[in-house]
N, C-alpha and C. Protein backbone atom coordinates (compact mmCIF):
# COMPACT_ATOMS: atom_id res chain seq x y z
N UNK A 1 -82.07 123.52 -168.06
CA UNK A 1 -81.42 123.92 -169.25
C UNK A 1 -80.29 124.86 -168.99
N UNK A 2 -80.54 125.86 -168.12
CA UNK A 2 -79.53 126.83 -167.79
C UNK A 2 -78.31 126.28 -167.11
N UNK A 3 -78.60 125.25 -166.29
CA UNK A 3 -77.49 124.54 -165.54
C UNK A 3 -76.63 123.82 -166.52
N UNK A 4 -77.20 123.20 -167.53
CA UNK A 4 -76.37 122.51 -168.59
C UNK A 4 -75.56 123.52 -169.33
N UNK A 5 -76.12 124.59 -169.71
CA UNK A 5 -75.39 125.57 -170.46
C UNK A 5 -74.27 126.13 -169.61
N UNK A 6 -74.49 126.44 -168.28
CA UNK A 6 -73.46 126.99 -167.46
C UNK A 6 -72.38 125.87 -167.27
N UNK A 7 -72.78 124.68 -167.08
CA UNK A 7 -71.77 123.54 -166.96
C UNK A 7 -70.93 123.44 -168.23
N UNK A 8 -71.61 123.54 -169.39
CA UNK A 8 -70.90 123.51 -170.67
C UNK A 8 -69.91 124.63 -170.78
N UNK A 9 -70.32 125.81 -170.48
CA UNK A 9 -69.46 126.98 -170.62
C UNK A 9 -68.25 126.77 -169.55
N UNK A 10 -68.55 126.34 -168.39
CA UNK A 10 -67.42 126.14 -167.38
C UNK A 10 -66.45 125.13 -167.97
N UNK A 11 -66.96 124.04 -168.61
CA UNK A 11 -66.06 123.10 -169.13
C UNK A 11 -65.14 123.63 -170.21
N UNK A 12 -65.78 124.40 -171.14
CA UNK A 12 -65.02 125.09 -172.17
C UNK A 12 -63.97 126.02 -171.58
N UNK A 13 -64.33 126.77 -170.59
CA UNK A 13 -63.38 127.65 -170.01
C UNK A 13 -62.15 126.92 -169.42
N UNK A 14 -62.53 125.82 -168.74
CA UNK A 14 -61.40 124.99 -168.14
C UNK A 14 -60.50 124.42 -169.25
N UNK A 15 -61.08 123.93 -170.33
CA UNK A 15 -60.27 123.42 -171.44
C UNK A 15 -59.49 124.52 -172.14
N UNK A 16 -60.03 125.61 -172.25
CA UNK A 16 -59.37 126.72 -172.84
C UNK A 16 -58.19 127.16 -171.92
N UNK A 17 -58.43 127.19 -170.70
CA UNK A 17 -57.32 127.54 -169.75
C UNK A 17 -56.16 126.50 -169.77
N UNK A 18 -56.49 125.23 -170.07
CA UNK A 18 -55.49 124.22 -170.15
C UNK A 18 -54.67 124.37 -171.39
N UNK A 19 -55.30 124.95 -172.43
CA UNK A 19 -54.67 125.00 -173.70
C UNK A 19 -53.69 126.22 -173.75
N UNK A 20 -53.67 127.10 -172.78
CA UNK A 20 -52.82 128.17 -172.80
C UNK A 20 -51.29 127.69 -172.70
N UNK A 21 -50.46 128.40 -173.35
CA UNK A 21 -49.05 127.98 -173.34
C UNK A 21 -48.43 128.02 -172.00
N UNK A 22 -47.89 126.98 -171.58
CA UNK A 22 -47.17 126.82 -170.33
C UNK A 22 -45.73 127.23 -170.54
N UNK A 23 -45.03 127.83 -169.51
CA UNK A 23 -43.60 128.13 -169.73
C UNK A 23 -42.80 126.80 -169.88
N UNK A 24 -41.79 126.86 -170.69
CA UNK A 24 -40.98 125.75 -170.95
C UNK A 24 -40.12 125.40 -169.67
N UNK A 25 -40.02 124.16 -169.44
CA UNK A 25 -39.17 123.71 -168.26
C UNK A 25 -37.76 123.43 -168.81
N UNK A 26 -36.81 123.51 -167.93
CA UNK A 26 -35.45 123.22 -168.35
C UNK A 26 -35.38 121.71 -168.64
N UNK A 27 -34.60 121.38 -169.62
CA UNK A 27 -34.36 119.97 -170.01
C UNK A 27 -33.69 119.29 -168.82
N UNK A 28 -34.03 118.10 -168.64
CA UNK A 28 -33.37 117.27 -167.58
C UNK A 28 -31.96 117.04 -167.96
N UNK A 29 -31.06 117.04 -166.97
CA UNK A 29 -29.70 116.74 -167.26
C UNK A 29 -29.36 115.42 -166.54
N UNK A 30 -28.39 114.72 -167.22
CA UNK A 30 -28.04 113.45 -166.80
C UNK A 30 -26.50 113.41 -166.55
N UNK A 31 -26.12 112.47 -165.73
CA UNK A 31 -24.70 112.21 -165.32
C UNK A 31 -24.31 110.76 -165.62
N UNK A 32 -23.01 110.68 -166.01
CA UNK A 32 -22.49 109.33 -166.12
C UNK A 32 -22.03 108.78 -164.75
N UNK A 33 -21.45 107.67 -164.77
CA UNK A 33 -21.02 106.96 -163.56
C UNK A 33 -19.90 107.82 -162.84
N UNK A 34 -19.00 108.38 -163.58
CA UNK A 34 -17.93 109.14 -162.94
C UNK A 34 -18.46 110.41 -162.33
N UNK A 35 -19.34 111.14 -163.03
CA UNK A 35 -20.04 112.26 -162.50
C UNK A 35 -20.85 112.04 -161.28
N UNK A 36 -21.60 110.94 -161.36
CA UNK A 36 -22.43 110.45 -160.27
C UNK A 36 -21.65 110.21 -158.96
N UNK A 37 -20.50 109.50 -159.12
CA UNK A 37 -19.63 109.21 -158.04
C UNK A 37 -19.04 110.47 -157.48
N UNK A 38 -18.64 111.40 -158.25
CA UNK A 38 -18.06 112.73 -157.78
C UNK A 38 -19.16 113.53 -157.05
N UNK A 39 -20.42 113.47 -157.60
CA UNK A 39 -21.54 114.24 -156.87
C UNK A 39 -21.83 113.58 -155.57
N UNK A 40 -21.80 112.24 -155.53
CA UNK A 40 -21.97 111.62 -154.27
C UNK A 40 -20.99 111.92 -153.22
N UNK A 41 -19.70 111.91 -153.60
CA UNK A 41 -18.68 112.39 -152.64
C UNK A 41 -18.74 113.79 -152.22
N UNK A 42 -19.11 114.66 -153.17
CA UNK A 42 -19.23 116.06 -152.93
C UNK A 42 -20.38 116.31 -151.95
N UNK A 43 -21.50 115.69 -152.13
CA UNK A 43 -22.74 115.93 -151.44
C UNK A 43 -22.79 115.16 -150.04
N UNK A 44 -22.03 114.19 -149.88
CA UNK A 44 -22.09 113.37 -148.64
C UNK A 44 -21.67 114.20 -147.49
N UNK A 45 -20.85 115.22 -147.72
CA UNK A 45 -20.41 116.04 -146.56
C UNK A 45 -21.54 116.90 -145.96
N UNK A 46 -22.67 116.98 -146.68
CA UNK A 46 -23.87 117.75 -146.18
C UNK A 46 -24.53 116.93 -145.08
N UNK A 47 -24.22 115.68 -144.92
CA UNK A 47 -24.91 114.79 -144.00
C UNK A 47 -24.07 114.49 -142.73
N UNK A 48 -24.77 114.31 -141.66
CA UNK A 48 -23.99 113.85 -140.47
C UNK A 48 -24.24 112.42 -140.32
N UNK A 49 -23.33 111.65 -139.75
CA UNK A 49 -23.37 110.29 -139.61
C UNK A 49 -23.09 109.75 -138.20
N UNK A 50 -23.88 108.80 -137.69
CA UNK A 50 -23.64 108.34 -136.31
C UNK A 50 -22.33 107.52 -136.34
N UNK A 51 -21.71 107.47 -135.11
CA UNK A 51 -20.46 106.73 -135.02
C UNK A 51 -20.63 105.31 -135.49
N UNK A 52 -19.73 104.87 -136.36
CA UNK A 52 -19.72 103.48 -136.86
C UNK A 52 -20.66 103.21 -138.02
N UNK A 53 -21.29 104.32 -138.54
CA UNK A 53 -22.23 104.14 -139.60
C UNK A 53 -22.00 105.17 -140.74
N UNK A 54 -20.77 105.22 -141.10
CA UNK A 54 -20.33 106.07 -142.33
C UNK A 54 -20.35 105.14 -143.50
N UNK A 55 -21.02 105.46 -144.53
CA UNK A 55 -21.06 104.58 -145.68
C UNK A 55 -19.74 104.58 -146.45
N UNK A 56 -19.44 103.45 -147.04
CA UNK A 56 -18.37 103.41 -147.96
C UNK A 56 -18.83 103.93 -149.32
N UNK A 57 -18.51 105.19 -149.63
CA UNK A 57 -19.04 105.93 -150.74
C UNK A 57 -18.63 105.26 -152.08
N UNK A 58 -17.50 104.60 -152.10
CA UNK A 58 -17.10 104.00 -153.36
C UNK A 58 -18.07 102.84 -153.67
N UNK A 59 -18.35 101.99 -152.68
CA UNK A 59 -19.27 100.94 -152.94
C UNK A 59 -20.69 101.42 -153.21
N UNK A 60 -21.09 102.38 -152.40
CA UNK A 60 -22.43 102.95 -152.59
C UNK A 60 -22.66 103.53 -153.93
N UNK A 61 -21.66 104.30 -154.47
CA UNK A 61 -21.78 104.91 -155.76
C UNK A 61 -21.76 103.77 -156.88
N UNK A 62 -20.91 102.80 -156.62
CA UNK A 62 -20.90 101.75 -157.64
C UNK A 62 -22.17 100.95 -157.76
N UNK A 63 -22.79 100.64 -156.58
CA UNK A 63 -24.01 99.90 -156.53
C UNK A 63 -25.21 100.70 -156.94
N UNK A 64 -25.27 101.93 -156.68
CA UNK A 64 -26.43 102.75 -156.93
C UNK A 64 -26.44 103.58 -158.15
N UNK A 65 -25.21 103.72 -158.72
CA UNK A 65 -25.02 104.57 -159.88
C UNK A 65 -25.45 103.93 -161.16
N UNK A 66 -25.39 104.76 -162.26
CA UNK A 66 -25.93 104.30 -163.55
C UNK A 66 -25.09 103.26 -164.31
N UNK A 67 -23.88 102.97 -163.80
CA UNK A 67 -23.01 102.03 -164.51
C UNK A 67 -22.70 102.53 -165.92
N UNK A 68 -22.99 101.84 -167.00
CA UNK A 68 -22.66 102.23 -168.27
C UNK A 68 -23.67 103.23 -168.89
N UNK A 69 -24.76 103.36 -168.17
CA UNK A 69 -25.86 104.29 -168.68
C UNK A 69 -25.72 105.66 -168.01
N UNK A 70 -26.74 106.41 -167.94
CA UNK A 70 -26.77 107.71 -167.30
C UNK A 70 -27.92 107.80 -166.23
N UNK A 71 -27.67 108.61 -165.24
CA UNK A 71 -28.75 108.79 -164.28
C UNK A 71 -29.15 110.28 -164.18
N UNK A 72 -30.30 110.61 -163.77
CA UNK A 72 -30.72 111.94 -163.59
C UNK A 72 -29.74 112.69 -162.59
N UNK A 73 -29.33 113.84 -163.03
CA UNK A 73 -28.49 114.66 -162.07
C UNK A 73 -29.27 114.89 -160.79
N UNK A 74 -28.71 114.68 -159.65
CA UNK A 74 -29.26 114.89 -158.30
C UNK A 74 -29.84 113.54 -157.78
N UNK A 75 -29.80 112.52 -158.54
CA UNK A 75 -30.27 111.21 -157.94
C UNK A 75 -29.43 110.72 -156.83
N UNK A 76 -28.24 111.15 -156.76
CA UNK A 76 -27.31 110.68 -155.71
C UNK A 76 -27.87 111.26 -154.36
N UNK A 77 -28.47 112.36 -154.35
CA UNK A 77 -29.07 113.00 -153.08
C UNK A 77 -30.07 112.04 -152.58
N UNK A 78 -30.93 111.41 -153.29
CA UNK A 78 -31.89 110.47 -152.80
C UNK A 78 -31.26 109.33 -152.23
N UNK A 79 -30.22 108.74 -152.89
CA UNK A 79 -29.47 107.59 -152.32
C UNK A 79 -28.86 107.99 -151.01
N UNK A 80 -28.29 109.16 -150.95
CA UNK A 80 -27.65 109.54 -149.71
C UNK A 80 -28.69 109.76 -148.61
N UNK A 81 -29.79 110.30 -148.94
CA UNK A 81 -30.86 110.40 -147.90
C UNK A 81 -31.30 109.06 -147.36
N UNK A 82 -31.50 108.10 -148.22
CA UNK A 82 -31.92 106.80 -147.83
C UNK A 82 -30.84 106.16 -146.96
N UNK A 83 -29.52 106.29 -147.40
CA UNK A 83 -28.39 105.73 -146.67
C UNK A 83 -28.24 106.41 -145.33
N UNK A 84 -28.48 107.74 -145.25
CA UNK A 84 -28.41 108.42 -144.02
C UNK A 84 -29.52 108.04 -143.09
N UNK A 85 -30.69 107.83 -143.55
CA UNK A 85 -31.80 107.35 -142.74
C UNK A 85 -31.39 105.89 -142.17
N UNK A 86 -30.86 105.06 -143.04
CA UNK A 86 -30.43 103.75 -142.61
C UNK A 86 -29.43 103.92 -141.42
N UNK A 87 -28.47 104.78 -141.63
CA UNK A 87 -27.37 104.96 -140.65
C UNK A 87 -27.99 105.37 -139.28
N UNK A 88 -28.86 106.34 -139.28
CA UNK A 88 -29.50 106.76 -138.03
C UNK A 88 -30.37 105.81 -137.33
N UNK A 89 -31.15 105.05 -138.16
CA UNK A 89 -32.02 104.00 -137.61
C UNK A 89 -31.22 102.96 -136.98
N UNK A 90 -30.12 102.52 -137.70
CA UNK A 90 -29.27 101.52 -137.17
C UNK A 90 -28.47 102.03 -136.04
N UNK A 91 -28.01 103.29 -136.11
CA UNK A 91 -27.24 103.86 -135.04
C UNK A 91 -28.10 103.87 -133.75
N UNK A 92 -29.29 104.28 -133.82
CA UNK A 92 -30.22 104.30 -132.72
C UNK A 92 -30.37 102.95 -132.08
N UNK A 93 -30.57 102.02 -132.93
CA UNK A 93 -30.69 100.60 -132.41
C UNK A 93 -29.32 100.09 -131.79
N UNK A 94 -28.23 100.38 -132.40
CA UNK A 94 -26.96 100.03 -131.89
C UNK A 94 -26.78 100.69 -130.51
N UNK A 95 -27.03 101.94 -130.34
CA UNK A 95 -26.98 102.60 -129.03
C UNK A 95 -27.86 101.97 -128.01
N UNK A 96 -29.08 101.70 -128.39
CA UNK A 96 -29.92 101.08 -127.43
C UNK A 96 -29.37 99.66 -126.94
N UNK A 97 -28.95 98.92 -127.92
CA UNK A 97 -28.35 97.56 -127.55
C UNK A 97 -27.21 97.63 -126.55
N UNK A 98 -26.37 98.70 -126.73
CA UNK A 98 -25.20 98.77 -125.85
C UNK A 98 -25.50 99.60 -124.64
N UNK A 99 -26.79 100.05 -124.51
CA UNK A 99 -27.12 100.88 -123.31
C UNK A 99 -26.54 102.31 -123.32
N UNK A 100 -26.17 102.84 -124.40
CA UNK A 100 -25.65 104.15 -124.59
C UNK A 100 -26.74 105.25 -124.71
N UNK A 101 -27.29 105.69 -123.64
CA UNK A 101 -28.43 106.59 -123.65
C UNK A 101 -28.12 107.96 -124.38
N UNK A 102 -26.86 108.43 -124.25
CA UNK A 102 -26.49 109.63 -124.90
C UNK A 102 -26.51 109.45 -126.41
N UNK A 103 -25.99 108.48 -126.93
CA UNK A 103 -25.99 108.23 -128.42
C UNK A 103 -27.37 107.97 -128.86
N UNK A 104 -28.16 107.15 -128.08
CA UNK A 104 -29.57 106.93 -128.53
C UNK A 104 -30.40 108.20 -128.53
N UNK A 105 -30.16 109.11 -127.60
CA UNK A 105 -30.87 110.41 -127.58
C UNK A 105 -30.45 111.24 -128.77
N UNK A 106 -29.13 111.22 -129.08
CA UNK A 106 -28.70 112.07 -130.24
C UNK A 106 -29.28 111.49 -131.50
N UNK A 107 -29.36 110.13 -131.67
CA UNK A 107 -29.96 109.53 -132.82
C UNK A 107 -31.40 109.85 -132.96
N UNK A 108 -32.20 109.84 -131.80
CA UNK A 108 -33.54 110.26 -131.80
C UNK A 108 -33.74 111.69 -132.26
N UNK A 109 -32.84 112.48 -131.84
CA UNK A 109 -32.99 113.91 -132.25
C UNK A 109 -32.89 114.08 -133.74
N UNK A 110 -31.91 113.33 -134.40
CA UNK A 110 -31.84 113.41 -135.86
C UNK A 110 -33.02 112.79 -136.44
N UNK A 111 -33.43 111.58 -135.93
CA UNK A 111 -34.61 110.96 -136.44
C UNK A 111 -35.82 111.88 -136.50
N UNK A 112 -35.98 112.69 -135.37
CA UNK A 112 -37.15 113.51 -135.22
C UNK A 112 -37.13 114.85 -135.98
N UNK A 113 -35.80 115.42 -136.02
CA UNK A 113 -35.72 116.72 -136.58
C UNK A 113 -35.15 116.84 -137.99
N UNK A 114 -34.42 115.85 -138.45
CA UNK A 114 -33.70 115.92 -139.72
C UNK A 114 -34.31 114.96 -140.76
N UNK A 115 -34.46 113.73 -140.45
CA UNK A 115 -34.99 112.73 -141.40
C UNK A 115 -36.33 113.15 -142.03
N UNK A 116 -37.22 113.69 -141.22
CA UNK A 116 -38.58 114.09 -141.86
C UNK A 116 -38.52 115.19 -142.86
N UNK A 117 -37.30 115.91 -142.93
CA UNK A 117 -37.23 117.00 -143.90
C UNK A 117 -36.61 116.49 -145.23
N UNK A 118 -36.16 115.24 -145.25
CA UNK A 118 -35.53 114.73 -146.50
C UNK A 118 -36.72 114.64 -147.56
N UNK A 119 -36.34 114.69 -148.80
CA UNK A 119 -37.25 114.45 -149.98
C UNK A 119 -38.53 115.19 -149.86
N UNK A 120 -38.53 116.48 -150.01
CA UNK A 120 -39.73 117.30 -149.90
C UNK A 120 -40.74 116.85 -151.02
N UNK A 121 -40.20 116.28 -152.10
CA UNK A 121 -41.13 115.83 -153.21
C UNK A 121 -41.86 114.54 -152.79
N UNK A 122 -41.56 113.97 -151.61
CA UNK A 122 -42.15 112.67 -151.14
C UNK A 122 -42.90 112.87 -149.86
N UNK A 123 -44.16 113.49 -149.82
CA UNK A 123 -44.68 113.72 -148.49
C UNK A 123 -45.05 112.39 -147.81
N UNK A 124 -45.27 111.30 -148.46
CA UNK A 124 -45.48 110.04 -147.77
C UNK A 124 -44.20 109.53 -147.06
N UNK A 125 -43.06 109.79 -147.71
CA UNK A 125 -41.80 109.40 -147.02
C UNK A 125 -41.56 110.34 -145.83
N UNK A 126 -41.93 111.56 -145.94
CA UNK A 126 -41.72 112.39 -144.71
C UNK A 126 -42.68 112.01 -143.59
N UNK A 127 -43.90 111.67 -143.93
CA UNK A 127 -44.88 111.21 -142.91
C UNK A 127 -44.36 109.88 -142.25
N UNK A 128 -43.84 109.01 -143.05
CA UNK A 128 -43.26 107.74 -142.48
C UNK A 128 -42.12 108.07 -141.50
N UNK A 129 -41.27 108.99 -141.88
CA UNK A 129 -40.14 109.41 -141.00
C UNK A 129 -40.61 109.98 -139.72
N UNK A 130 -41.68 110.84 -139.81
CA UNK A 130 -42.21 111.43 -138.54
C UNK A 130 -42.88 110.33 -137.70
N UNK A 131 -43.57 109.39 -138.29
CA UNK A 131 -44.16 108.25 -137.57
C UNK A 131 -43.09 107.38 -136.87
N UNK A 132 -41.96 107.07 -137.66
CA UNK A 132 -40.92 106.29 -137.18
C UNK A 132 -40.29 106.96 -135.95
N UNK A 133 -40.05 108.27 -136.08
CA UNK A 133 -39.44 108.91 -134.91
C UNK A 133 -40.37 108.94 -133.69
N UNK A 134 -41.66 109.19 -133.89
CA UNK A 134 -42.67 109.24 -132.78
C UNK A 134 -42.70 107.85 -132.15
N UNK A 135 -42.68 106.76 -132.87
CA UNK A 135 -42.64 105.42 -132.39
C UNK A 135 -41.45 105.13 -131.60
N UNK A 136 -40.30 105.52 -132.24
CA UNK A 136 -38.93 105.26 -131.58
C UNK A 136 -38.87 106.12 -130.25
N UNK A 137 -39.38 107.22 -130.15
CA UNK A 137 -39.38 107.98 -128.86
C UNK A 137 -40.14 107.29 -127.84
N UNK A 138 -41.21 106.51 -128.24
CA UNK A 138 -42.00 105.71 -127.34
C UNK A 138 -41.48 104.44 -126.97
N UNK A 139 -40.30 104.19 -127.55
CA UNK A 139 -39.50 102.91 -127.41
C UNK A 139 -39.87 101.74 -128.37
N UNK A 140 -40.58 102.05 -129.38
CA UNK A 140 -41.08 101.10 -130.36
C UNK A 140 -40.20 101.29 -131.71
N UNK A 141 -39.28 100.36 -131.84
CA UNK A 141 -38.44 100.41 -133.04
C UNK A 141 -38.88 99.66 -134.28
N UNK A 142 -40.19 99.29 -134.32
CA UNK A 142 -40.70 98.44 -135.35
C UNK A 142 -40.59 99.13 -136.76
N UNK A 143 -40.99 100.37 -136.90
CA UNK A 143 -40.96 101.08 -138.13
C UNK A 143 -39.49 101.35 -138.57
N UNK A 144 -38.60 101.59 -137.65
CA UNK A 144 -37.23 101.74 -138.03
C UNK A 144 -36.67 100.40 -138.52
N UNK A 145 -37.03 99.38 -137.82
CA UNK A 145 -36.59 98.00 -138.23
C UNK A 145 -37.16 97.59 -139.66
N UNK A 146 -38.41 97.93 -139.81
CA UNK A 146 -38.97 97.70 -141.19
C UNK A 146 -38.25 98.52 -142.25
N UNK A 147 -37.92 99.77 -142.08
CA UNK A 147 -37.14 100.56 -143.00
C UNK A 147 -35.83 99.99 -143.29
N UNK A 148 -35.14 99.51 -142.24
CA UNK A 148 -33.84 98.91 -142.43
C UNK A 148 -33.88 97.62 -143.17
N UNK A 149 -34.85 96.84 -142.79
CA UNK A 149 -35.05 95.56 -143.59
C UNK A 149 -35.30 95.74 -145.07
N UNK A 150 -35.96 96.87 -145.36
CA UNK A 150 -36.40 97.03 -146.74
C UNK A 150 -35.43 97.89 -147.63
N UNK A 151 -34.55 98.62 -146.88
CA UNK A 151 -33.73 99.60 -147.61
C UNK A 151 -32.17 99.51 -147.39
N UNK A 152 -31.77 98.84 -146.41
CA UNK A 152 -30.38 98.89 -145.90
C UNK A 152 -29.52 97.64 -146.09
N UNK A 153 -30.03 96.64 -146.50
CA UNK A 153 -29.37 95.37 -146.58
C UNK A 153 -28.09 95.42 -147.26
N UNK A 154 -27.91 96.09 -148.44
CA UNK A 154 -26.69 95.98 -149.25
C UNK A 154 -25.72 97.06 -148.83
N UNK A 155 -25.95 97.91 -147.87
CA UNK A 155 -25.06 98.99 -147.49
C UNK A 155 -23.81 98.43 -146.84
N UNK A 156 -22.68 99.04 -147.14
CA UNK A 156 -21.37 98.73 -146.54
C UNK A 156 -20.90 99.93 -145.72
N UNK A 157 -20.57 99.72 -144.55
CA UNK A 157 -20.22 100.83 -143.64
C UNK A 157 -18.68 100.75 -143.44
N UNK A 158 -18.12 101.88 -143.18
CA UNK A 158 -16.63 101.97 -142.91
C UNK A 158 -16.40 101.72 -141.41
């Protein structure tokens, strides 16, 4: 009987704690296509790109942007992170194919040290990036190839 009473009191305490007023969060802001395109151009300079794998930002913004609607502010960052990951995975593979050990090593360094820090709100994505880098270091490009096949098909490079 005491256990039931203690459990009931604990449940009431938890519910009461949930009912306390939470601080208000800032309202989400949205951008139109023009603002999205500008944000993409402005934020792309924060990324490094392997030789031959710089995205055509006009095409990228047009294809990924909100068009006649609106997109959440900051969504261009996610698109740029995905595009940058594509660029480095493809850049690593390009360097391997042409036997450019220096470029392949530089790409592996970015794959290992930079890409896993993208999207802190997505721990599964970060884990995938770490696993991809570890496999690539061991000479296995299968995860990088899977990522490219699933995320990079429509990209246009300059």
